Structures are given as C-alpha cells and as structure tokens.
Protein backbone atom coordinates (compact mmCIF):
# COMPACT_ATOMS: atom_id res chain seq x y z
CA MET A 1 51.68 16.29 74.82
CA THR A 2 54.06 14.86 72.28
CA LYS A 3 53.45 12.62 69.76
CA GLY A 4 54.94 9.32 70.88
CA LYS A 5 53.02 10.40 74.26
CA LYS A 6 50.01 10.59 72.91
CA ARG A 7 50.57 7.18 71.28
CA LEU A 8 51.66 5.25 74.31
CA ILE A 9 48.57 6.59 76.11
CA GLY A 10 46.19 5.35 73.19
CA PHE A 11 47.93 1.65 72.72
CA LEU A 12 47.50 1.47 76.45
CA VAL A 13 43.94 2.37 76.82
CA LEU A 14 42.93 0.43 73.80
CA CYS A 15 45.30 -2.36 75.21
CA SER A 16 42.89 -2.34 78.48
CA VAL A 17 39.70 -2.09 76.59
CA LEU A 18 40.81 -5.31 74.65
CA LEU A 19 41.39 -7.25 78.39
CA VAL A 20 38.10 -5.57 80.35
CA SER A 21 36.02 -6.86 77.36
CA CYS A 22 37.73 -10.16 77.12
CA GLY A 23 37.43 -10.70 80.67
CA GLY A 24 34.36 -9.88 80.26
CA TYR A 25 34.26 -12.86 77.49
CA LEU A 26 35.27 -15.37 79.00
CA TYR A 27 33.40 -14.49 82.36
CA GLN A 28 30.05 -14.68 80.32
CA THR A 29 30.45 -16.73 77.55
CA ARG A 30 31.67 -20.47 80.46
CA THR A 31 30.53 -23.51 79.38
CA PRO A 32 26.91 -23.59 81.11
CA GLU A 33 25.66 -26.52 82.67
CA VAL A 34 24.24 -28.80 80.35
CA PRO A 35 20.17 -28.05 80.38
CA LYS A 36 18.06 -30.55 82.34
CA ILE A 37 15.65 -31.22 80.10
CA ARG A 38 18.52 -32.33 76.96
CA GLU A 39 18.02 -36.12 75.32
CA GLU A 40 20.45 -37.87 73.74
CA LEU A 41 18.68 -39.18 70.61
CA ASP A 42 16.74 -42.67 70.44
CA THR A 43 18.77 -43.89 68.06
CA THR A 44 16.16 -46.75 68.10
CA LEU A 45 13.79 -45.25 66.30
CA THR A 46 14.92 -47.01 63.04
CA GLU A 47 11.80 -47.28 60.83
CA ASN A 48 12.32 -46.94 57.17
CA LYS A 49 9.42 -45.32 55.57
CA PHE A 50 10.94 -43.18 52.69
CA TYR A 51 14.74 -43.46 53.66
CA LEU A 52 17.46 -43.81 51.51
CA SER A 53 19.98 -46.26 52.08
CA GLU A 54 23.79 -45.44 51.92
CA GLU A 55 24.97 -47.53 49.26
CA ASN A 56 25.23 -46.16 45.76
CA PHE A 57 23.15 -43.24 47.92
CA LYS A 58 24.39 -40.07 44.74
CA LYS A 59 23.49 -42.71 41.93
CA LYS A 60 19.74 -43.39 44.10
CA MET A 61 19.38 -39.56 44.71
CA GLU A 62 20.06 -39.02 40.75
CA LYS A 63 18.02 -41.67 39.28
CA GLU A 64 15.19 -41.35 42.60
CA GLY A 65 15.32 -38.96 44.84
CA GLU A 66 15.87 -35.69 41.97
CA PRO A 67 13.14 -37.00 39.20
CA TYR A 68 10.18 -37.42 42.16
CA LEU A 69 11.46 -34.07 43.34
CA ALA A 70 11.49 -32.61 39.34
CA GLN A 71 8.06 -33.15 39.14
CA TYR A 72 6.80 -31.23 41.70
CA LEU A 73 9.70 -27.88 41.21
CA GLU A 74 8.52 -24.59 41.08
CA GLU A 75 10.84 -21.99 41.19
CA GLY A 76 11.65 -17.97 40.92
CA TYR A 77 12.93 -14.88 42.34
CA VAL A 78 11.48 -12.34 45.15
CA GLU A 79 12.49 -9.40 44.53
CA ASN A 80 14.38 -7.13 47.98
CA GLU A 81 15.60 -3.47 47.16
CA GLY A 82 17.35 -4.64 44.56
CA ILE A 83 18.58 -8.04 45.22
CA GLU A 84 16.98 -11.15 43.74
CA LEU A 85 16.12 -13.67 45.81
CA HIS A 86 15.90 -17.29 44.41
CA TYR A 87 13.94 -19.82 45.77
CA LYS A 88 12.25 -22.83 44.97
CA LYS A 89 8.80 -24.95 46.20
CA TYR A 90 7.62 -28.19 46.18
CA GLN A 91 3.94 -28.33 46.29
CA THR A 92 2.43 -32.04 45.10
CA GLY A 93 -1.62 -30.86 45.27
CA THR A 94 -1.82 -33.19 48.16
CA ALA A 95 -0.28 -31.86 51.05
CA LYS A 96 -2.31 -30.11 54.35
CA LYS A 97 0.76 -29.11 56.08
CA ALA A 98 4.09 -27.02 55.03
CA ILE A 99 7.64 -26.32 55.83
CA VAL A 100 10.27 -23.50 55.24
CA ILE A 101 13.51 -24.52 54.91
CA SER A 102 16.38 -21.91 56.15
CA HIS A 103 20.25 -23.70 54.92
CA GLY A 104 23.47 -22.67 56.80
CA PHE A 105 26.03 -20.54 55.88
CA THR A 106 27.43 -21.18 52.28
CA GLU A 107 25.06 -23.60 51.17
CA ASN A 108 22.52 -23.17 49.17
CA SER A 109 19.44 -25.14 48.17
CA GLU A 110 20.91 -28.23 45.94
CA LYS A 111 22.26 -29.51 48.93
CA TYR A 112 18.78 -30.31 50.67
CA ASN A 113 16.78 -32.42 48.39
CA GLU A 114 17.80 -35.22 50.29
CA PRO A 115 15.63 -33.57 53.15
CA ILE A 116 13.26 -32.36 51.12
CA TYR A 117 12.71 -35.16 49.56
CA TYR A 118 11.90 -36.84 52.79
CA PHE A 119 9.34 -33.61 53.58
CA VAL A 120 7.91 -33.91 50.27
CA LYS A 121 7.04 -38.08 50.82
CA ALA A 122 5.80 -37.49 54.39
CA GLY A 123 3.27 -35.20 53.05
CA PHE A 124 4.15 -31.12 53.21
CA ASP A 125 4.45 -28.66 51.15
CA VAL A 126 8.29 -27.48 50.56
CA TYR A 127 9.36 -23.80 50.40
CA ILE A 128 13.29 -22.77 49.84
CA MET A 129 15.16 -19.74 49.64
CA GLU A 130 19.14 -19.46 49.04
CA HIS A 131 19.77 -16.72 51.40
CA ARG A 132 21.53 -13.51 49.93
CA GLY A 133 25.55 -14.10 48.88
CA HIS A 134 24.13 -18.02 48.32
CA GLY A 135 23.41 -19.79 45.33
CA TYR A 136 21.93 -18.41 42.47
CA SER A 137 20.55 -14.63 45.07
CA THR A 138 22.34 -12.28 44.20
CA ARG A 139 25.97 -11.53 45.86
CA GLU A 140 27.28 -8.03 46.74
CA VAL A 141 30.89 -9.00 46.08
CA GLU A 142 31.90 -10.36 42.86
CA ASP A 143 33.70 -13.54 44.30
CA TYR A 144 32.18 -16.62 44.40
CA SER A 145 33.85 -17.85 47.36
CA LEU A 146 33.09 -15.04 49.50
CA VAL A 147 29.97 -14.90 51.76
CA HIS A 148 29.01 -11.12 52.15
CA VAL A 149 26.52 -9.39 54.61
CA GLU A 150 26.83 -5.35 56.39
CA SER A 151 24.34 -6.51 58.74
CA PHE A 152 21.92 -9.85 59.62
CA ASP A 153 18.87 -6.96 59.34
CA ASP A 154 19.57 -7.74 55.69
CA TYR A 155 18.64 -11.34 56.12
CA GLN A 156 15.66 -10.80 57.92
CA SER A 157 14.47 -8.51 55.91
CA ASP A 158 15.15 -10.85 52.63
CA PHE A 159 13.02 -13.64 54.72
CA LYS A 160 10.14 -11.88 55.53
CA LYS A 161 9.63 -10.79 52.07
CA PHE A 162 10.31 -14.21 50.80
CA MET A 163 7.47 -15.57 52.98
CA ASP A 164 4.76 -12.55 52.74
CA GLU A 165 5.70 -12.60 48.88
CA VAL A 166 5.44 -16.15 48.71
CA VAL A 167 4.81 -18.56 51.53
CA VAL A 168 2.00 -16.93 52.79
CA PRO A 169 0.28 -16.08 50.22
CA THR A 170 0.78 -19.78 48.37
CA ASN A 171 0.38 -22.11 51.52
CA GLY A 172 -2.72 -20.33 52.48
CA ASP A 173 -4.16 -21.86 56.72
CA GLN A 174 -1.70 -24.32 56.16
CA PRO A 175 -0.31 -25.69 59.62
CA LEU A 176 3.41 -23.96 58.87
CA TYR A 177 6.49 -25.24 59.86
CA ALA A 178 10.54 -24.25 59.95
CA PHE A 179 13.45 -26.60 59.30
CA ALA A 180 15.77 -24.40 60.20
CA HIS A 181 20.45 -25.17 59.81
CA SER A 182 22.89 -23.30 61.80
CA MET A 183 23.41 -19.92 60.39
CA GLY A 184 19.88 -19.98 59.04
CA GLY A 185 19.04 -21.24 62.14
CA ASN A 186 20.40 -18.43 63.55
CA ILE A 187 18.19 -16.91 61.01
CA MET A 188 15.07 -18.46 61.74
CA ALA A 189 15.77 -18.00 65.91
CA ARG A 190 15.58 -13.93 65.31
CA PHE A 191 12.31 -14.38 62.78
CA LEU A 192 11.14 -16.42 65.86
CA GLU A 193 10.76 -13.69 68.39
CA ASP A 194 10.71 -10.76 65.42
CA CYS A 195 7.67 -12.19 63.44
CA PRO A 196 6.27 -14.86 66.23
CA GLU A 197 2.33 -15.25 64.24
CA TYR A 198 4.18 -16.83 60.58
CA PHE A 199 5.20 -20.37 62.61
CA ASP A 200 3.66 -22.84 64.60
CA ALA A 201 6.85 -25.05 65.28
CA ALA A 202 10.71 -24.83 64.39
CA ILE A 203 13.52 -27.26 63.85
CA LEU A 204 16.38 -26.08 64.62
CA SER A 205 19.23 -28.29 63.66
CA SER A 206 22.29 -27.47 64.93
CA PRO A 207 21.65 -23.31 64.93
CA MET A 208 24.41 -20.85 64.64
CA MET A 209 23.78 -19.66 68.32
CA GLN A 210 27.72 -18.89 68.46
CA ILE A 211 30.26 -19.33 66.20
CA LYS A 212 33.51 -21.38 67.24
CA THR A 213 36.72 -18.69 66.76
CA GLY A 214 39.65 -21.11 67.66
CA GLY A 215 40.70 -19.17 70.64
CA VAL A 216 40.24 -16.58 69.60
CA PRO A 217 37.37 -14.05 72.02
CA GLU A 218 34.61 -12.47 70.57
CA PRO A 219 35.56 -9.02 71.20
CA ILE A 220 38.88 -9.44 68.94
CA VAL A 221 37.34 -11.05 66.80
CA SER A 222 34.49 -8.18 66.98
CA MET A 223 36.79 -5.58 66.73
CA VAL A 224 39.70 -6.91 63.94
CA SER A 225 35.85 -7.08 61.43
CA MET A 226 35.16 -3.53 62.92
CA SER A 227 38.77 -2.40 62.12
CA ALA A 228 39.62 -3.85 58.57
CA LYS A 229 35.68 -2.42 57.52
CA LEU A 230 36.91 1.13 59.02
CA ILE A 231 40.35 0.72 56.16
CA GLY A 232 37.79 -0.14 53.41
CA LYS A 233 38.76 -3.70 54.11
CA GLY A 234 35.01 -5.47 54.96
CA THR A 235 34.57 -7.11 51.95
CA SER A 236 37.97 -9.21 52.17
CA TYR A 237 38.38 -12.44 53.45
CA VAL A 238 38.60 -13.11 57.02
CA PHE A 239 41.76 -14.30 58.36
CA GLY A 240 42.81 -18.14 57.60
CA TYR A 241 40.61 -18.12 54.44
CA GLY A 242 41.65 -18.13 50.55
CA PRO A 243 39.02 -18.76 47.46
CA TYR A 244 37.13 -22.18 46.73
CA VAL A 245 39.66 -24.32 45.97
CA GLU A 246 38.01 -28.38 44.63
CA GLN A 247 39.14 -30.57 46.84
CA TYR A 248 38.04 -33.53 48.23
CA ASN A 249 38.28 -33.61 52.28
CA TYR A 250 35.64 -35.84 54.19
CA GLU A 251 36.94 -36.13 56.80
CA GLU A 252 37.71 -33.02 57.86
CA SER A 253 33.60 -31.77 56.85
CA SER A 254 30.89 -31.66 58.51
CA VAL A 255 29.04 -34.48 56.92
CA LYS A 256 29.32 -37.91 58.65
CA SER A 257 28.36 -39.98 56.41
CA GLU A 258 30.69 -40.17 53.00
CA ALA A 259 27.64 -41.38 51.18
CA ARG A 260 26.18 -37.91 51.52
CA TYR A 261 28.84 -36.31 51.47
CA GLU A 262 29.81 -36.81 47.64
CA TYR A 263 26.68 -36.24 46.53
CA CYS A 264 26.81 -32.75 48.30
CA TYR A 265 30.67 -32.16 46.82
CA SER A 266 29.53 -33.83 42.98
CA LYS A 267 26.46 -31.12 43.04
CA GLU A 268 29.75 -28.15 44.89
CA ILE A 269 31.96 -28.75 42.27
CA ALA A 270 29.67 -28.38 39.08
CA ASP A 271 28.57 -25.17 39.70
CA GLU A 272 30.56 -22.36 40.26
CA ARG A 273 27.37 -20.66 41.94
CA TYR A 274 28.06 -23.36 44.78
CA LYS A 275 31.68 -22.47 45.79
CA ALA A 276 30.80 -20.67 48.31
CA ASN A 277 33.62 -21.30 50.88
CA ALA A 278 34.60 -18.16 53.14
CA PRO A 279 33.73 -14.96 55.74
CA THR A 280 34.29 -11.56 54.91
CA PHE A 281 35.20 -9.24 57.94
CA SER A 282 31.66 -7.32 57.82
CA TRP A 283 29.91 -11.29 57.60
CA ALA A 284 32.48 -11.98 61.05
CA GLY A 285 31.36 -9.05 62.43
CA ALA A 286 27.58 -9.12 61.55
CA ALA A 287 27.46 -12.97 62.98
CA MET A 288 28.56 -11.83 66.17
CA LYS A 289 26.13 -8.96 66.86
CA GLN A 290 23.70 -11.04 65.60
CA THR A 291 23.94 -13.88 68.01
CA ARG A 292 24.46 -11.29 70.53
CA ARG A 293 21.21 -10.43 70.33
CA ILE A 294 19.38 -13.37 69.83
CA LEU A 295 20.71 -14.65 72.81
CA LYS A 296 19.53 -11.78 75.07
CA GLU A 297 17.09 -13.02 77.87
CA GLU A 298 14.30 -10.79 76.50
CA ASN A 299 14.66 -12.33 73.32
CA LEU A 300 14.55 -15.37 74.02
CA ALA A 301 11.80 -15.04 75.54
CA LYS A 302 9.57 -13.46 72.89
CA ILE A 303 9.86 -17.46 70.95
CA GLN A 304 6.51 -18.54 71.62
CA VAL A 305 5.76 -21.92 69.67
CA PRO A 306 6.93 -25.43 70.01
CA VAL A 307 10.99 -25.33 69.37
CA LEU A 308 13.03 -28.88 68.98
CA LEU A 309 16.87 -28.60 69.15
CA PHE A 310 19.32 -30.65 68.33
CA GLN A 311 23.13 -30.62 68.58
CA ALA A 312 25.75 -32.57 67.56
CA GLU A 313 28.46 -34.56 69.39
CA GLU A 314 31.70 -33.78 66.69
CA ASP A 315 30.46 -30.03 66.28
CA HIS A 316 33.38 -27.49 64.78
CA LEU A 317 31.22 -24.86 64.36
CA VAL A 318 28.99 -23.73 66.80
CA GLY A 319 29.52 -24.00 70.47
CA ASP A 320 27.88 -25.29 73.18
CA ALA A 321 27.20 -22.55 75.68
CA GLY A 322 24.75 -21.01 72.96
CA LEU A 323 23.31 -23.65 72.74
CA TYR A 324 22.25 -23.65 76.28
CA LYS A 325 21.76 -20.53 76.60
CA PHE A 326 19.04 -20.76 73.85
CA ALA A 327 17.78 -23.93 75.87
CA ASN A 328 17.11 -22.47 78.07
CA GLY A 329 15.72 -19.92 77.61
CA VAL A 330 12.72 -20.71 75.40
CA SER A 331 9.49 -21.92 76.80
CA ASN A 332 8.79 -24.50 75.07
CA VAL A 333 11.83 -26.91 73.82
CA THR A 334 12.57 -30.18 73.49
CA PHE A 335 16.73 -30.57 73.05
CA LYS A 336 18.65 -33.49 71.72
CA TYR A 337 21.77 -34.53 71.66
CA VAL A 338 22.98 -36.75 68.91
CA LYS A 339 25.82 -39.14 69.20
CA ASP A 340 28.08 -39.51 66.59
CA SER A 341 26.86 -36.70 64.72
CA ARG A 342 28.95 -34.23 63.13
CA HIS A 343 27.56 -30.45 62.85
CA GLN A 344 25.28 -30.54 59.98
CA ILE A 345 22.76 -33.87 61.71
CA PHE A 346 21.25 -34.58 59.44
CA THR A 347 23.76 -36.12 57.11
CA SER A 348 24.92 -38.67 59.43
CA GLU A 349 24.85 -42.30 58.46
CA ASN A 350 21.73 -44.11 58.21
CA LYS A 351 21.95 -45.80 61.34
CA VAL A 352 22.61 -41.86 63.02
CA MET A 353 20.16 -39.74 60.62
CA ILE A 354 16.96 -42.26 60.28
CA PRO A 355 16.18 -41.56 64.37
CA TYR A 356 16.77 -38.10 64.14
CA TYR A 357 14.38 -38.02 60.61
CA ASN A 358 12.19 -39.81 62.84
CA THR A 359 12.28 -37.69 65.31
CA VAL A 360 11.88 -35.09 63.26
CA PHE A 361 8.26 -36.48 62.26
CA ALA A 362 7.39 -37.90 65.81
CA PHE A 363 7.85 -34.08 66.85
CA LEU A 364 5.57 -32.12 64.04
CA GLU A 365 3.18 -34.84 64.71
CA SER A 366 2.40 -34.70 67.71
CA LEU A 367 1.37 -30.84 67.49
CA GLU A 368 -1.02 -31.84 65.46
CA LYS A 369 -2.94 -33.97 67.86
C-alpha cells in the first residue's frame, strides 16, 4: 500500500471517529428539562444586615471593608510536592462556625474581599487558598497571563493538603461549610465526592459543570488539547486567547454591578500576579476530563451533604446541561435560578446581591436548627 493511500485511510478513520464522537456528544449533552426542584431566587429578601451599597463602593471597601478584615487576617503558604500554595484565614476569636472559599478560574483571594467581609460579619471564620497558577501560589509556567495544570488531580491534591494542614487543625470541631464559584465549584464538587467527611454543607455558585466552548463540540476541544500536548504545545495559549491586556470592559464581564467590577478591576491591574486571563491547552483538556468524571451518576451519588446550587440567568461561561445533570444526580440539593445576573452572581447589583446572600445565610442557619 502506498503512503498516499495510508494517509487517506488514516484521515478517513480520524473523520469517522470525530463524527461518532461529536454525534454522541450532541446526544448526551442535549439540554435536559429544567429540574423540578429549581426555583427562582426570592428577590424580596432585602433585609440589609451589613451589606455595602454600590454608591462609592470602591471607597467603602477600601475605607471600611479592608481595614475590618485586616485585623483578623493571617496568611501563609502550604507546600504540596514543590508547589507553594498561598492562603489567607480570618479568625475573630468568637466565631462558632467556619467557611472555606474555593475561587474560580483566573481569580485570586483579593477578588473575594467583599464576600469574606460579609461572612466574617455573619460570625464565620473564613479560609481561602489560591489554587496553583493563581495569585501568589506557584505557577508551572512563567507567563502570569496563563493558567496551567496537567491534570485537575493536582487541584484536588492541593486542596486536600490545605484542608489537612491549615483548615482542619485550626477549625477543630466547629461546623465547616464550603462556598465555591465556577472552577472552584468544579474542584469542590469532586472534593465532596472523594472526601465526604470534611464539610457539613456546600454553596456552589455557577459551578463549572459544563464549559461553554463557543459551539465547538467537547470531543474536538479535548482532541485538539491532546494533540497540542503531543506536539509540545500543552503550555501554549488556547486558540483565541493571548497575553493579558489592561482594558476596562464591564459590558463583557461576568459582573453585573459596575461598581463592583471597578473595585475588582482595580485589584487586577495593580498586581501582575492577578492578571491571569487565559487557559493553556492542557488546562482545557484537563477541565473537560474533570467535568465528565464529576457528572458520572455513581460519583454524584457520593455527595450526601446539603448543597445550595445557584444558576445565573446570563451565564456565558457555564452551560445549563451540566448544572441540570448535577442537580438531578445529587440527593440533597436546593437549586436557585437568579434572574438579572451574570456568571459571578455574588457581584451583582444590590437588588440581586442582597437576596442572594440572605438566601446563603438562611440556608446555613437552617442547618444549625
């Protein structure tokens, strides 16, 4: 057989595999019916216990929120197989419960100053670790714009190390809850499956259970990622991404409140370590693999703690199908749909943000009765 014929046969086989894979993908990921347990967020829950207004929000955070938190802040590093993981903890000395925050893709601990402020005000000790490749934790690539991992197993190993060496020894027997967003919700969901003994409940806000890929089927994204790794490009930018560019762009952001966007943006541009904005090919492939693993029926069944799940109306990053499959597969879920919100629901306008947090605190308080 000639080389030309071999190449043709190889090409036809590859096309057949792609067609079958894409067909299977499209069948399996058709958006299922909205779960019956899903309810709209009650926007009449407007009691303002300690929430900051959007007027002069940046100044309020800098003059009120940040100094308040600074008096309780301790920070340090925990090491996992050569990776230094930066963390912060806030302990008032009077709290009777604690919450661990797992942040999203390209984020950092500073972005969570406002939710941390509210949790501390509400009587919680708070712990947050910057995942590898983010903030002041070790990066495996030199470019601060890139987020890279070979496998999401690394995130799981890092998080368990943080729990075992920082959170558990400090928290003792206090009730322990999780608050996780986007990629952090993905990491937390798997942790709840693999390590069910750590948390008493979890809040998953727009968790990354399915990544929107711009209409490109996931099998193709996975195959391209795998191919890039095979040719030594696993640590390169995914197509369509490039180095961080300083550009104020509220309209296309994941934040619904411009006042809160301005505050987060000011943190981002002030520190080069906060300018992560793009995935590597390896990260993309690893993320696809992780979501498939989490959403297996036998794995979802392992999550037994109460879960409060939030879905944003205008989410351009997380797909509905993954959230619905998660909600249908976990036994104890309260599912809230949040109108007039983007991916990062907790930085919405006050008319949405206050009911959102009041729902979070009511959920946690109900567990203590």
